[in-house]
C-alpha atoms as a PDB file:
ATOM      1  CA  MET A   1      70.669  58.756-138.663  1.00  0.00           C
ATOM      2  CA  SER A   2      70.361  55.475-136.821  1.00  0.00           C
ATOM      3  CA  GLU A   3      66.732  56.259-135.969  1.00  0.00           C
ATOM      4  CA  SER A   4      65.715  56.421-139.626  1.00  0.00           C
ATOM      5  CA  ARG A   5      67.531  53.177-140.326  1.00  0.00           C
ATOM      6  CA  ASP A   6      65.775  51.452-137.386  1.00  0.00           C
ATOM      7  CA  THR A   7      62.319  52.560-138.520  1.00  0.00           C
ATOM      8  CA  ALA A   8      63.073  51.553-142.098  1.00  0.00           C
ATOM      9  CA  GLN A   9      64.064  48.089-140.903  1.00  0.00           C
ATOM     10  CA  ALA A  10      60.959  47.866-138.722  1.00  0.00           C
ATOM     11  CA  ASP A  11      58.708  48.613-141.719  1.00  0.00           C
ATOM     12  CA  GLU A  12      60.305  46.059-144.035  1.00  0.00           C
ATOM     13  CA  THR A  13      59.077  42.510-144.248  1.00  0.00           C
ATOM     14  CA  ALA A  14      61.511  39.704-143.641  1.00  0.00           C
ATOM     15  CA  ALA A  15      63.447  38.663-146.730  1.00  0.00           C
ATOM     16  CA  TRP A  16      62.827  34.975-146.015  1.00  0.00           C
ATOM     17  CA  LEU A  17      59.022  35.305-145.835  1.00  0.00           C
ATOM     18  CA  PRO A  18      58.274  34.502-149.523  1.00  0.00           C
ATOM     19  CA  TYR A  19      60.474  31.413-149.228  1.00  0.00           C
ATOM     20  CA  GLY A  20      58.653  30.361-146.069  1.00  0.00           C
ATOM     21  CA  ILE A  21      55.279  30.740-147.767  1.00  0.00           C
ATOM     22  CA  ALA A  22      56.468  28.741-150.767  1.00  0.00           C
ATOM     23  CA  THR A  23      57.849  26.030-148.468  1.00  0.00           C
ATOM     24  CA  VAL A  24      54.534  25.674-146.648  1.00  0.00           C
ATOM     25  CA  LYS A  25      52.675  25.404-149.966  1.00  0.00           C
ATOM     26  CA  VAL A  26      55.069  22.782-151.358  1.00  0.00           C
ATOM     27  CA  ILE A  27      54.883  20.742-148.160  1.00  0.00           C
ATOM     28  CA  PHE A  28      51.087  20.955-148.286  1.00  0.00           C
ATOM     29  CA  MET A  29      51.080  19.635-151.865  1.00  0.00           C
ATOM     30  CA  ILE A  30      53.401  16.800-150.808  1.00  0.00           C
ATOM     31  CA  ALA A  31      51.063  16.020-147.892  1.00  0.00           C
ATOM     32  CA  VAL A  32      48.021  15.850-150.180  1.00  0.00           C
ATOM     33  CA  PHE A  33      49.925  13.612-152.583  1.00  0.00           C
ATOM     34  CA  ARG A  34      51.106  11.455-149.682  1.00  0.00           C
ATOM     35  CA  TYR A  35      47.564  11.144-148.357  1.00  0.00           C
ATOM     36  CA  PHE A  36      46.192   9.906-151.692  1.00  0.00           C
ATOM     37  CA  ALA A  37      49.202   7.703-152.536  1.00  0.00           C
ATOM     38  CA  THR A  38      48.103   4.871-150.236  1.00  0.00           C
ATOM     39  CA  PRO A  39      44.647   4.304-151.764  1.00  0.00           C
ATOM     40  CA  PHE A  40      46.096   4.825-155.238  1.00  0.00           C
ATOM     41  CA  THR A  41      48.713   2.102-154.821  1.00  0.00           C
ATOM     42  CA  ASP A  42      46.072  -0.174-153.342  1.00  0.00           C
ATOM     43  CA  ASP A  43      43.785   0.355-156.348  1.00  0.00           C
ATOM     44  CA  MET A  44      46.509   0.136-158.978  1.00  0.00           C
ATOM     45  CA  PHE A  45      48.685  -2.666-157.627  1.00  0.00           C
ATOM     46  CA  GLY A  46      46.343  -4.544-155.319  1.00  0.00           C
ATOM     47  CA  GLU A  47      48.420  -3.804-152.226  1.00  0.00           C
ATOM     48  CA  GLU A  48      49.422  -0.746-150.258  1.00  0.00           C
ATOM     49  CA  LEU A  49      52.985   0.047-151.252  1.00  0.00           C
ATOM     50  CA  LEU A  50      52.982   3.092-148.992  1.00  0.00           C
ATOM     51  CA  PRO A  51      51.401   2.831-145.559  1.00  0.00           C
ATOM     52  CA  LEU A  52      49.196   5.620-144.331  1.00  0.00           C
ATOM     53  CA  PRO A  53      51.203   8.641-143.114  1.00  0.00           C
ATOM     54  CA  THR A  54      52.247   8.741-139.473  1.00  0.00           C
ATOM     55  CA  TRP A  55      55.408  10.506-138.297  1.00  0.00           C
ATOM     56  CA  GLU A  56      55.789  12.529-141.509  1.00  0.00           C
ATOM     57  CA  TRP A  57      52.293  13.909-140.954  1.00  0.00           C
ATOM     58  CA  THR A  58      53.522  15.419-137.720  1.00  0.00           C
ATOM     59  CA  ALA A  59      56.389  17.073-139.604  1.00  0.00           C
ATOM     60  CA  PHE A  60      53.929  18.374-142.189  1.00  0.00           C
ATOM     61  CA  SER A  61      51.662  19.757-139.456  1.00  0.00           C
ATOM     62  CA  ILE A  62      54.447  21.703-137.793  1.00  0.00           C
ATOM     63  CA  THR A  63      55.425  23.758-140.848  1.00  0.00           C
ATOM     64  CA  PRO A  64      52.438  26.192-141.013  1.00  0.00           C
ATOM     65  CA  GLY A  65      52.672  26.813-137.277  1.00  0.00           C
ATOM     66  CA  LEU A  66      56.370  27.467-137.589  1.00  0.00           C
ATOM     67  CA  LEU A  67      55.723  30.010-140.340  1.00  0.00           C
ATOM     68  CA  ILE A  68      53.043  31.685-138.227  1.00  0.00           C
ATOM     69  CA  TRP A  69      55.393  31.867-135.255  1.00  0.00           C
ATOM     70  CA  LEU A  70      58.250  33.279-137.315  1.00  0.00           C
ATOM     71  CA  ALA A  71      55.991  35.857-139.015  1.00  0.00           C
ATOM     72  CA  ARG A  72      54.455  37.201-135.826  1.00  0.00           C
ATOM     73  CA  ARG A  73      55.788  40.759-136.323  1.00  0.00           C
ATOM     74  CA  PRO A  74      52.944  43.055-137.425  1.00  0.00           C
ATOM     75  CA  VAL A  75      54.644  43.857-140.746  1.00  0.00           C
ATOM     76  CA  ASP A  76      55.228  40.195-141.554  1.00  0.00           C
ATOM     77  CA  TRP A  77      51.743  39.231-140.384  1.00  0.00           C
ATOM     78  CA  ALA A  78      50.242  41.862-142.668  1.00  0.00           C
ATOM     79  CA  THR A  79      52.225  40.343-145.547  1.00  0.00           C
ATOM     80  CA  LEU A  80      50.651  36.969-144.766  1.00  0.00           C
ATOM     81  CA  SER A  81      47.136  38.414-145.075  1.00  0.00           C
ATOM     82  CA  THR A  82      46.669  36.944-148.555  1.00  0.00           C
ATOM     83  CA  GLU A  83      48.093  33.581-147.508  1.00  0.00           C
ATOM     84  CA  ARG A  84      46.025  32.982-144.378  1.00  0.00           C
ATOM     85  CA  THR A  85      43.357  31.073-146.290  1.00  0.00           C
ATOM     86  CA  ILE A  86      45.845  28.479-147.528  1.00  0.00           C
ATOM     87  CA  LEU A  87      47.316  28.266-144.021  1.00  0.00           C
ATOM     88  CA  ARG A  88      43.873  27.610-142.554  1.00  0.00           C
ATOM     89  CA  ILE A  89      43.086  25.001-145.215  1.00  0.00           C
ATOM     90  CA  ALA A  90      46.379  23.209-144.630  1.00  0.00           C
ATOM     91  CA  LEU A  91      46.004  23.299-140.851  1.00  0.00           C
ATOM     92  CA  THR A  92      42.428  22.006-141.049  1.00  0.00           C
ATOM     93  CA  PHE A  93      43.469  19.191-143.394  1.00  0.00           C
ATOM     94  CA  TYR A  94      46.345  18.192-141.106  1.00  0.00           C
ATOM     95  CA  PHE A  95      44.132  18.383-138.022  1.00  0.00           C
ATOM     96  CA  LEU A  96      41.244  16.337-139.414  1.00  0.00           C
ATOM     97  CA  TYR A  97      43.506  13.585-140.753  1.00  0.00           C
ATOM     98  CA  ALA A  98      45.545  13.422-137.562  1.00  0.00           C
ATOM     99  CA  LEU A  99      42.492  13.410-135.310  1.00  0.00           C
ATOM    100  CA  ALA A 100      40.609  10.787-137.314  1.00  0.00           C
ATOM    101  CA  PHE A 101      43.503   8.395-137.633  1.00  0.00           C
ATOM    102  CA  SER A 102      44.708   8.834-134.065  1.00  0.00           C
ATOM    103  CA  LEU A 103      41.203   8.012-132.828  1.00  0.00           C
ATOM    104  CA  PHE A 104      40.413   5.127-135.180  1.00  0.00           C
ATOM    105  CA  LYS A 105      43.800   3.644-136.062  1.00  0.00           C
ATOM    106  CA  GLY A 106      45.538   4.259-132.763  1.00  0.00           C
ATOM    107  CA  GLY A 107      48.460   6.234-134.099  1.00  0.00           C
ATOM    108  CA  TRP A 108      49.767   7.979-130.995  1.00  0.00           C
ATOM    109  CA  ILE A 109      52.246  10.068-132.997  1.00  0.00           C
ATOM    110  CA  LEU A 110      49.327  11.643-134.823  1.00  0.00           C
ATOM    111  CA  TRP A 111      48.176  13.253-131.586  1.00  0.00           C
ATOM    112  CA  LEU A 112      51.257  15.461-131.909  1.00  0.00           C
ATOM    113  CA  ALA A 113      50.179  16.391-135.427  1.00  0.00           C
ATOM    114  CA  ALA A 114      46.679  17.265-134.202  1.00  0.00           C
ATOM    115  CA  ALA A 115      48.156  19.398-131.421  1.00  0.00           C
ATOM    116  CA  ALA A 116      50.496  21.164-133.863  1.00  0.00           C
ATOM    117  CA  ALA A 117      47.632  21.924-136.258  1.00  0.00           C
ATOM    118  CA  LEU A 118      45.449  23.169-133.422  1.00  0.00           C
ATOM    119  CA  ALA A 119      48.298  25.361-132.164  1.00  0.00           C
ATOM    120  CA  GLY A 120      48.606  26.819-135.666  1.00  0.00           C
ATOM    121  CA  HIS A 121      44.911  27.695-135.704  1.00  0.00           C
ATOM    122  CA  LEU A 122      45.190  29.288-132.281  1.00  0.00           C
ATOM    123  CA  GLY A 123      48.222  31.255-133.461  1.00  0.00           C
ATOM    124  CA  ILE A 124      46.238  32.661-136.378  1.00  0.00           C
ATOM    125  CA  LEU A 125      43.368  33.626-134.064  1.00  0.00           C
ATOM    126  CA  TYR A 126      45.747  35.241-131.588  1.00  0.00           C
ATOM    127  CA  LEU A 127      47.637  37.257-134.193  1.00  0.00           C
ATOM    128  CA  ASP A 128      44.416  38.335-135.910  1.00  0.00           C
ATOM    129  CA  GLY A 129      43.027  39.443-132.550  1.00  0.00           C
ATOM    130  CA  ARG A 130      46.212  41.277-131.676  1.00  0.00           C
ATOM    131  CA  ARG A 131      46.147  43.074-135.004  1.00  0.00           C
ATOM    132  CA  SER A 132      42.500  44.115-134.617  1.00  0.00           C
ATOM    133  CA  ALA A 133      43.138  45.273-131.042  1.00  0.00           C
ATOM    134  CA  HIS A 134      45.788  47.658-132.340  1.00  0.00           C
ATOM    135  CA  GLY A 135      43.314  49.035-134.837  1.00  0.00           C
ATOM    136  CA  GLU A 136      45.146  47.926-137.966  1.00  0.00           C
END
């Protein structure tokens, strides 16, 4: 009886996964808004009321990688198959911003954001490769 319960639990996706996906999407929308808020305030009010993102960008960059790490079970990873495009878009956006501004503006904290985004991309590649190696 315990064997059937163990296999049933192994085939079920994590109950938190939809909430994790929604969290990553909301944080991505906040990041896009945050990115465009600086030029908007400069255009509308003549001065930058919000400086360009720094430490919060690192926090934004960590969230997709955290979701990827938590959803590394094959069942959970299969559930994320429809969401991988948005994860890749978010990670690329975080990486390009962090890399550009760490190189040209000297924001050392943004190197952490670039590393987190790159780690997220590598996590996707690894889990996709692992899944294809198992023939799924």
